[in-house]
Amino acid sequence: MKYQAPRGTHDILPRDSLTWAHLESSFRNLVGLYGYNELRTPTFEDTELFTRSSGETSDIVTKQMYDFADKGGRSITLKAEGTAPAVRAYLEHGLGGQGQVTRLWYTTPVFRYERPQKGRYREHHQFGVECLGSASPLADAEVIEIAYRFLTTIQMPDVSVSLNSIGRAATRAAYREAILGHASAYLTEMGAEDRLRIEKNPLRLLDSKDPKAIDLMKTAPSIQDFLEDESRSRFASLCQALSDLGIPFEIRPEIVRGLDYYTDTVFEVLSHHLGAQSALCGGGRYDRLVQDLGGPDTPAIGFGMGIERLFLVLESLDKLQEAPRIVAFVVAADEIARPMVQRICHDLRNAKISAQCDLEGKDMRRQLKQANALNAEIAVLVGEEELSKRFATIRDLATGEQRALPFDRLVEELQ
């Protein structure tokens, strides 16, 4: 039997891992400038964590979760999104404090059972940040700035922000009735189960992938018209803060995000290079979630960013990281030279100079062929004559030029 990675998963091969490492280090360095600290949470959690946080009517809970009973009969779910586990850890370990703003970041695998397609997998990976403890629109602006700045840092083209406010309870109640009235004819055509889900949360119609729903929502009333005064004021403050930071944004009333815990600010950061599938990052404010999970009333905002999607764009732009060349391939011209070859490799690596040598007892011709295949910069040749005179022959593999270097000056010269 020929084994393959499960459908909807993928291997990160050596030719790609350098770009992944570059993205991870770039993100780590950027969030560090803002004082965010890394959090690592388990790959699986109690199922109830996600049903309580994401909402029982969300697609994640109803269609996409990988949940199972473990050997103790407990209902367990592979991590379906990053925010709920972060909030669980925040509460469990008392990471917050009175009047304290807690800034967290993570990189994590996320598991969702959905139809695989290019750039979308059943196991995918995310960067995320969570800012807990501040209700200020400046916190929203900071989180959005991080997402925007990261994408521009890795040279993503045509980056902009799509922004909306979905208000609070009063907004939801008024808008719910308006949307249900607008969509009444559409709802009568749906099955009972789907209709019940929409009636519980009509905002789902705004990010529906159904072409009929998309056309219907083009003429729907805007949620912006139903905002409470406080939500309207803080949204205006956020827009001003983003303008002050020079971050381009567009107000898009149809953006609501797919999780029930969002309040007020919701946003996406996108690259128009991707065309219709342009969103690279999404997030928003979730001021009720900490309290819903058993903690104190705590305002918070965060985002998640798919790493596979970033990779896809960088690949299309021919901006993947290239593997660094091996500096030196150390060649044993004969068997007697092999101990010295090992010693030279050891000394070069200690000096942070990349070096390889043959491990299989190949002859000199095949060792040089191996050096060329690795695209090494130089070959360091050691044989019986070199051993007797205490020098190595250095061959430039691009030009073929050679010179002799004493063993005791080899590391210094190559540095």
Protein backbone atom coordinates (compact mmCIF):
# COMPACT_ATOMS: atom_id res chain seq x y z
CA MET A 1 0.00 0.00 0.00
CA LYS A 2 1.28 3.46 -0.91
CA TYR A 3 0.54 5.81 1.96
CA GLN A 4 -0.42 9.43 1.34
CA ALA A 5 -1.16 12.41 3.57
CA PRO A 6 -4.88 12.43 4.53
CA ARG A 7 -7.15 14.40 2.21
CA GLY A 8 -7.13 18.07 3.11
CA THR A 9 -3.67 17.97 4.72
CA HIS A 10 -0.25 18.62 3.24
CA ASP A 11 3.44 18.17 3.97
CA ILE A 12 5.68 21.20 4.32
CA LEU A 13 8.69 20.07 2.31
CA PRO A 14 12.28 21.29 2.78
CA ARG A 15 12.01 23.58 -0.28
CA ASP A 16 9.03 25.32 1.40
CA SER A 17 10.03 25.23 5.05
CA LEU A 18 12.46 28.13 4.64
CA THR A 19 9.59 30.40 3.59
CA TRP A 20 7.50 29.16 6.52
CA ALA A 21 10.38 29.87 8.89
CA HIS A 22 10.78 33.33 7.33
CA LEU A 23 7.07 34.09 7.85
CA GLU A 24 7.18 32.83 11.44
CA SER A 25 10.29 34.82 12.35
CA SER A 26 8.94 37.96 10.63
CA PHE A 27 5.68 37.69 12.55
CA ARG A 28 7.46 36.97 15.85
CA ASN A 29 9.75 39.98 15.39
CA LEU A 30 6.90 42.33 14.48
CA VAL A 31 4.54 41.46 17.33
CA GLY A 32 7.49 41.72 19.71
CA LEU A 33 7.76 45.40 18.80
CA TYR A 34 4.23 45.85 20.19
CA GLY A 35 4.90 43.89 23.38
CA TYR A 36 2.93 40.74 22.49
CA ASN A 37 4.01 37.50 24.18
CA GLU A 38 3.74 34.02 22.69
CA LEU A 39 1.11 31.55 23.91
CA ARG A 40 0.99 27.86 22.95
CA THR A 41 -2.21 25.92 23.62
CA PRO A 42 -3.02 22.19 23.13
CA THR A 43 -4.02 20.74 19.78
CA PHE A 44 -7.34 19.57 21.25
CA GLU A 45 -9.78 21.02 23.78
CA ASP A 46 -13.09 20.12 25.41
CA THR A 47 -15.79 20.32 22.73
CA GLU A 48 -17.91 22.64 24.87
CA LEU A 49 -15.23 25.34 24.64
CA PHE A 50 -15.98 25.72 20.94
CA THR A 51 -19.76 25.24 21.10
CA ARG A 52 -20.01 27.97 23.75
CA SER A 53 -17.63 30.38 22.04
CA SER A 54 -18.30 29.91 18.31
CA GLY A 55 -22.07 29.55 18.66
CA GLU A 56 -24.22 26.48 18.14
CA THR A 57 -25.50 27.82 14.80
CA SER A 58 -22.06 28.57 13.34
CA ASP A 59 -20.76 26.51 10.42
CA ILE A 60 -17.74 25.57 12.51
CA VAL A 61 -19.90 23.87 15.14
CA THR A 62 -22.59 22.42 12.88
CA LYS A 63 -20.46 21.27 9.95
CA GLN A 64 -16.71 21.58 10.38
CA MET A 65 -15.47 20.44 13.80
CA TYR A 66 -13.33 17.34 14.22
CA ASP A 67 -14.88 16.06 17.45
CA PHE A 68 -14.68 12.62 19.04
CA ALA A 69 -15.07 10.77 22.33
CA ASP A 70 -11.74 9.86 23.93
CA LYS A 71 -11.10 6.64 25.86
CA GLY A 72 -12.56 8.24 28.97
CA GLY A 73 -15.79 9.11 27.18
CA ARG A 74 -15.03 12.85 27.14
CA SER A 75 -16.08 14.89 24.09
CA ILE A 76 -12.88 16.30 22.56
CA THR A 77 -12.40 18.58 19.54
CA LEU A 78 -9.29 19.30 17.51
CA LYS A 79 -8.60 23.01 17.70
CA ALA A 80 -11.21 24.64 15.46
CA GLU A 81 -9.97 28.23 15.88
CA GLY A 82 -7.38 30.05 17.95
CA THR A 83 -9.23 32.60 20.05
CA ALA A 84 -11.28 30.37 22.37
CA PRO A 85 -8.23 28.30 23.50
CA ALA A 86 -6.32 31.54 24.10
CA VAL A 87 -9.14 32.90 26.26
CA ARG A 88 -9.37 29.58 28.13
CA ALA A 89 -5.63 29.76 28.91
CA TYR A 90 -5.94 33.45 29.84
CA LEU A 91 -8.58 32.56 32.45
CA GLU A 92 -7.10 29.28 33.66
CA HIS A 93 -3.68 30.78 34.40
CA GLY A 94 -4.78 34.24 35.53
CA LEU A 95 -2.87 36.03 32.77
CA GLY A 96 -4.96 39.18 33.16
CA GLY A 97 -5.12 41.58 36.09
CA GLN A 98 -7.09 44.54 37.38
CA GLY A 99 -6.80 47.28 34.77
CA GLN A 100 -4.14 45.31 32.88
CA VAL A 101 -3.98 44.89 29.11
CA THR A 102 -2.73 41.43 28.11
CA ARG A 103 -1.17 41.03 24.66
CA LEU A 104 -0.80 37.48 23.30
CA TRP A 105 0.23 35.97 19.98
CA TYR A 106 0.42 32.42 18.64
CA THR A 107 1.00 30.24 15.63
CA THR A 108 -1.13 27.12 15.60
CA PRO A 109 -2.66 24.35 13.48
CA VAL A 110 -6.43 24.61 13.01
CA PHE A 111 -8.72 21.75 11.97
CA ARG A 112 -11.95 22.14 10.01
CA TYR A 113 -13.77 19.55 7.96
CA GLU A 114 -14.55 21.35 4.72
CA ARG A 115 -14.03 20.81 1.02
CA PRO A 116 -10.29 21.11 0.31
CA GLN A 117 -9.23 23.58 -2.36
CA LYS A 118 -6.12 25.48 -3.28
CA GLY A 119 -4.87 27.34 -0.23
CA ARG A 120 -7.61 25.87 2.01
CA TYR A 121 -6.97 22.67 3.94
CA ARG A 122 -8.68 20.60 6.61
CA GLU A 123 -5.57 21.08 8.69
CA HIS A 124 -4.22 24.57 8.13
CA HIS A 125 -2.09 26.95 10.16
CA GLN A 126 -2.69 30.40 11.55
CA PHE A 127 -0.93 33.34 13.07
CA GLY A 128 -3.05 35.10 15.65
CA VAL A 129 -2.99 37.95 18.14
CA GLU A 130 -5.32 38.64 21.06
CA CYS A 131 -5.43 41.93 22.97
CA LEU A 132 -7.45 41.48 26.18
CA GLY A 133 -8.44 44.14 28.70
CA SER A 134 -8.92 47.29 26.62
CA ALA A 135 -12.20 48.65 25.27
CA SER A 136 -10.47 51.55 23.53
CA PRO A 137 -10.77 51.94 19.74
CA LEU A 138 -6.99 52.41 19.87
CA ALA A 139 -6.70 48.72 20.77
CA ASP A 140 -8.68 47.90 17.62
CA ALA A 141 -6.37 50.15 15.61
CA GLU A 142 -3.28 48.50 17.11
CA VAL A 143 -4.44 44.99 16.21
CA ILE A 144 -5.42 46.02 12.68
CA GLU A 145 -2.11 47.84 12.27
CA ILE A 146 -0.19 44.67 13.20
CA ALA A 147 -2.02 42.64 10.55
CA TYR A 148 -1.61 45.33 7.89
CA ARG A 149 2.02 46.02 8.74
CA PHE A 150 2.95 42.34 8.72
CA LEU A 151 1.53 41.85 5.23
CA THR A 152 3.40 44.87 3.93
CA THR A 153 6.58 43.73 5.70
CA ILE A 154 6.57 40.44 3.79
CA GLN A 155 5.97 42.42 0.56
CA MET A 156 2.38 41.39 -0.01
CA PRO A 157 1.00 43.59 -2.82
CA ASP A 158 -2.12 45.80 -2.78
CA VAL A 159 -2.91 45.42 0.93
CA SER A 160 -5.96 47.14 2.37
CA VAL A 161 -8.46 46.78 5.22
CA SER A 162 -12.20 46.11 4.96
CA LEU A 163 -13.98 47.33 8.06
CA ASN A 164 -17.42 47.15 9.67
CA SER A 165 -19.19 47.51 13.00
CA ILE A 166 -21.92 45.05 13.93
CA GLY A 167 -22.82 46.86 17.13
CA ARG A 168 -24.20 45.35 20.32
CA ALA A 169 -27.40 43.69 21.53
CA ALA A 170 -29.76 46.50 20.50
CA THR A 171 -28.25 46.65 17.03
CA ARG A 172 -28.50 42.88 16.61
CA ALA A 173 -32.15 42.80 17.71
CA ALA A 174 -33.25 45.61 15.39
CA TYR A 175 -31.19 44.39 12.46
CA ARG A 176 -32.38 40.83 12.95
CA GLU A 177 -35.96 41.87 12.31
CA ALA A 178 -34.97 43.98 9.30
CA ILE A 179 -32.99 41.16 7.68
CA LEU A 180 -35.66 38.54 8.35
CA GLY A 181 -38.24 40.78 6.76
CA HIS A 182 -36.02 41.42 3.74
CA ALA A 183 -35.27 37.70 3.32
CA SER A 184 -38.72 36.30 4.08
CA ALA A 185 -39.34 34.93 0.57
CA TYR A 186 -35.84 33.43 0.41
CA LEU A 187 -36.29 31.70 3.78
CA THR A 188 -39.50 29.96 2.71
CA GLU A 189 -37.49 28.10 0.04
CA MET A 190 -35.01 26.71 2.61
CA GLY A 191 -35.17 23.46 4.53
CA ALA A 192 -36.42 23.62 8.10
CA GLU A 193 -33.00 23.08 9.70
CA ASP A 194 -31.22 25.71 7.57
CA ARG A 195 -34.07 28.18 8.06
CA LEU A 196 -33.88 27.73 11.84
CA ARG A 197 -30.14 28.49 11.80
CA ILE A 198 -30.69 31.69 9.83
CA GLU A 199 -33.59 32.76 12.07
CA LYS A 200 -31.33 32.36 15.12
CA ASN A 201 -28.60 34.45 13.54
CA PRO A 202 -29.67 36.30 10.35
CA LEU A 203 -26.20 37.91 10.05
CA ARG A 204 -25.09 34.62 8.49
CA LEU A 205 -26.89 35.65 5.32
CA LEU A 206 -24.32 38.43 4.87
CA ASP A 207 -21.39 36.01 4.47
CA SER A 208 -23.34 33.22 2.79
CA LYS A 209 -21.74 31.58 -0.26
CA ASP A 210 -25.16 30.83 -1.80
CA PRO A 211 -25.46 32.91 -5.03
CA LYS A 212 -29.16 33.60 -4.29
CA ALA A 213 -28.29 34.91 -0.80
CA ILE A 214 -25.46 37.02 -2.22
CA ASP A 215 -27.83 38.68 -4.71
CA LEU A 216 -30.48 39.15 -2.01
CA MET A 217 -28.05 40.85 0.38
CA LYS A 218 -27.02 43.39 -2.25
CA THR A 219 -30.32 45.15 -1.58
CA ALA A 220 -30.46 44.47 2.17
CA PRO A 221 -30.48 47.34 4.66
CA SER A 222 -27.06 48.25 6.08
CA ILE A 223 -26.25 47.30 9.66
CA GLN A 224 -24.54 50.69 9.94
CA ASP A 225 -28.01 52.28 9.97
CA PHE A 226 -28.92 50.37 13.15
CA LEU A 227 -25.85 51.09 15.30
CA GLU A 228 -26.31 52.36 18.86
CA ASP A 229 -24.82 55.79 19.55
CA GLU A 230 -21.90 54.31 21.55
CA SER A 231 -21.01 51.85 18.77
CA ARG A 232 -21.31 54.56 16.13
CA SER A 233 -18.99 56.84 18.13
CA ARG A 234 -16.31 54.20 18.75
CA PHE A 235 -16.43 53.13 15.09
CA ALA A 236 -15.83 56.75 14.03
CA SER A 237 -12.90 56.92 16.47
CA LEU A 238 -11.43 53.72 15.01
CA CYS A 239 -11.71 55.06 11.46
CA GLN A 240 -9.94 58.25 12.54
CA ALA A 241 -7.16 56.27 14.24
CA LEU A 242 -6.57 54.18 11.11
CA SER A 243 -6.49 57.34 8.99
CA ASP A 244 -3.93 58.85 11.39
CA LEU A 245 -1.78 55.71 10.97
CA GLY A 246 -1.99 55.94 7.18
CA ILE A 247 -3.70 52.55 6.87
CA PRO A 248 -6.02 52.36 3.83
CA PHE A 249 -9.47 51.00 4.68
CA GLU A 250 -12.93 50.66 3.22
CA ILE A 251 -16.17 50.42 5.21
CA ARG A 252 -17.94 47.23 4.08
CA PRO A 253 -21.33 46.66 5.79
CA GLU A 254 -21.51 43.07 4.50
CA ILE A 255 -18.52 41.95 6.60
CA VAL A 256 -19.80 40.19 9.72
CA ARG A 257 -17.36 37.24 10.21
CA GLY A 258 -18.53 33.69 10.87
CA LEU A 259 -18.33 33.41 14.67
CA ASP A 260 -21.06 34.39 17.10
CA TYR A 261 -18.78 35.98 19.67
CA TYR A 262 -17.96 39.14 17.69
CA THR A 263 -19.21 42.57 18.83
CA ASP A 264 -18.71 46.01 17.32
CA THR A 265 -15.54 45.97 15.18
CA VAL A 266 -15.07 43.26 12.54
CA PHE A 267 -12.47 43.45 9.81
CA GLU A 268 -10.59 41.68 7.07
CA VAL A 269 -7.15 42.49 5.68
CA LEU A 270 -6.77 41.56 2.05
CA SER A 271 -4.55 41.57 -0.97
CA HIS A 272 -6.28 42.35 -4.24
CA HIS A 273 -3.63 40.27 -5.97
CA LEU A 274 -5.77 37.23 -5.10
CA GLY A 275 -8.82 38.52 -6.93
CA ALA A 276 -12.15 37.36 -5.50
CA GLN A 277 -10.51 35.23 -2.78
CA SER A 278 -8.61 38.21 -1.42
CA ALA A 279 -8.95 37.92 2.38
CA LEU A 280 -5.72 36.94 4.12
CA CYS A 281 -6.73 37.83 7.66
CA GLY A 282 -9.93 38.31 9.62
CA GLY A 283 -10.83 39.30 13.12
CA GLY A 284 -12.76 41.57 15.38
CA ARG A 285 -13.79 42.58 18.86
CA TYR A 286 -15.24 39.94 21.21
CA ASP A 287 -16.16 41.77 24.40
CA ARG A 288 -18.57 39.07 25.64
CA LEU A 289 -16.40 35.99 25.14
CA VAL A 290 -14.29 36.09 28.31
CA GLN A 291 -17.44 36.43 30.41
CA ASP A 292 -19.23 33.71 28.40
CA LEU A 293 -16.37 31.33 29.27
CA GLY A 294 -16.68 32.00 33.00
CA GLY A 295 -14.40 35.01 33.46
CA PRO A 296 -14.97 38.64 34.43
CA ASP A 297 -16.36 41.22 32.02
CA THR A 298 -13.30 41.75 29.79
CA PRO A 299 -13.16 43.62 26.47
CA ALA A 300 -10.91 42.04 23.83
CA ILE A 301 -10.00 42.04 20.15
CA GLY A 302 -7.89 39.80 17.92
CA PHE A 303 -7.37 38.26 14.50
CA GLY A 304 -6.37 35.04 12.77
CA MET A 305 -4.27 34.88 9.59
CA GLY A 306 -3.92 31.77 7.41
CA ILE A 307 -0.29 30.89 6.69
CA GLU A 308 -1.09 28.68 3.69
CA ARG A 309 -2.83 31.61 2.03
CA LEU A 310 0.22 33.80 2.58
CA PHE A 311 2.44 31.11 1.07
CA LEU A 312 0.16 30.83 -1.96
CA VAL A 313 0.47 34.54 -2.75
CA LEU A 314 4.23 34.64 -2.19
CA GLU A 315 4.61 31.63 -4.46
CA SER A 316 2.59 33.33 -7.22
CA LEU A 317 4.85 36.38 -6.88
CA ASP A 318 8.01 34.24 -7.02
CA LYS A 319 8.97 35.52 -3.55
CA LEU A 320 9.67 32.21 -1.80
CA GLN A 321 12.86 31.98 0.21
CA GLU A 322 15.77 30.24 -1.50
CA ALA A 323 17.82 27.65 0.34
CA PRO A 324 21.19 29.05 1.46
CA ARG A 325 24.16 27.60 -0.37
CA ILE A 326 26.54 25.28 1.40
CA VAL A 327 29.81 27.20 1.67
CA ALA A 328 32.24 24.30 1.74
CA PHE A 329 32.12 20.68 0.64
CA VAL A 330 35.18 18.97 2.12
CA VAL A 331 36.51 16.22 -0.14
CA ALA A 332 38.65 13.26 0.91
CA ALA A 333 40.97 12.46 -2.01
CA ASP A 334 41.81 9.12 -0.38
CA GLU A 335 40.85 7.07 2.67
CA ILE A 336 43.72 8.32 4.80
CA ALA A 337 42.32 11.86 4.59
CA ARG A 338 38.84 11.06 5.98
CA PRO A 339 39.62 11.77 9.68
CA MET A 340 41.03 15.20 8.73
CA VAL A 341 37.97 15.88 6.54
CA GLN A 342 35.73 15.23 9.56
CA ARG A 343 37.88 17.53 11.69
CA ILE A 344 37.77 20.34 9.11
CA CYS A 345 33.97 20.08 8.87
CA HIS A 346 33.78 20.22 12.66
CA ASP A 347 35.96 23.36 12.83
CA LEU A 348 34.08 25.13 10.03
CA ARG A 349 30.69 24.45 11.62
CA ASN A 350 31.95 25.66 15.00
CA ALA A 351 32.84 28.91 13.22
CA LYS A 352 29.28 29.03 11.77
CA ILE A 353 30.46 28.22 8.25
CA SER A 354 28.18 25.66 6.57
CA ALA A 355 30.04 22.53 5.54
CA GLN A 356 29.30 19.03 4.33
CA CYS A 357 31.34 15.98 3.47
CA ASP A 358 30.74 12.54 2.02
CA LEU A 359 29.42 9.90 4.43
CA GLU A 360 29.30 6.92 2.05
CA GLY A 361 32.95 6.35 1.09
CA LYS A 362 32.55 7.70 -2.45
CA ASP A 363 35.59 8.33 -4.63
CA MET A 364 36.87 11.83 -5.25
CA ARG A 365 35.11 12.26 -8.61
CA ARG A 366 31.71 11.41 -7.14
CA GLN A 367 32.34 13.64 -4.12
CA LEU A 368 32.97 16.60 -6.42
CA LYS A 369 29.84 15.72 -8.35
CA GLN A 370 27.94 15.76 -5.05
CA ALA A 371 29.43 19.17 -4.18
CA ASN A 372 28.21 20.59 -7.50
CA ALA A 373 24.76 19.06 -7.02
CA LEU A 374 24.53 20.87 -3.66
CA ASN A 375 25.59 24.13 -5.33
CA ALA A 376 28.42 24.49 -2.81
CA GLU A 377 30.62 27.56 -3.19
CA ILE A 378 33.95 25.82 -2.76
CA ALA A 379 35.45 22.36 -2.45
CA VAL A 380 38.11 21.83 0.21
CA LEU A 381 40.35 19.01 -1.10
CA VAL A 382 42.39 16.92 1.32
CA GLY A 383 44.58 14.00 0.31
CA GLU A 384 47.82 12.34 1.27
CA GLU A 385 49.93 15.19 -0.13
CA GLU A 386 47.87 17.83 1.68
CA LEU A 387 48.19 15.90 4.94
CA SER A 388 51.98 15.71 4.63
CA LYS A 389 52.30 19.44 3.91
CA ARG A 390 49.53 20.51 6.35
CA PHE A 391 47.49 22.45 3.81
CA ALA A 392 44.22 22.07 1.93
CA THR A 393 43.48 22.80 -1.72
CA ILE A 394 40.59 25.24 -2.10
CA ARG A 395 38.70 25.01 -5.41
CA ASP A 396 36.15 27.65 -6.45
CA LEU A 397 33.37 25.51 -7.93
CA ALA A 398 32.09 28.34 -10.13
CA THR A 399 35.41 29.24 -11.79
CA GLY A 400 37.56 26.13 -11.17
CA GLU A 401 40.36 28.29 -9.74
CA GLN A 402 42.44 26.67 -6.98
CA ARG A 403 44.71 27.84 -4.19
CA ALA A 404 46.45 26.28 -1.21
CA LEU A 405 45.67 27.21 2.40
CA PRO A 406 47.40 25.94 5.55
CA PHE A 407 45.09 23.95 7.81
CA ASP A 408 45.59 26.40 10.68
CA ARG A 409 44.43 29.36 8.55
CA LEU A 410 41.51 27.62 6.83
CA VAL A 411 38.71 28.78 9.15
CA GLU A 412 40.03 32.35 9.35
CA GLU A 413 40.32 32.67 5.56
CA LEU A 414 36.88 31.21 4.87
CA GLN A 415 35.25 33.49 7.41
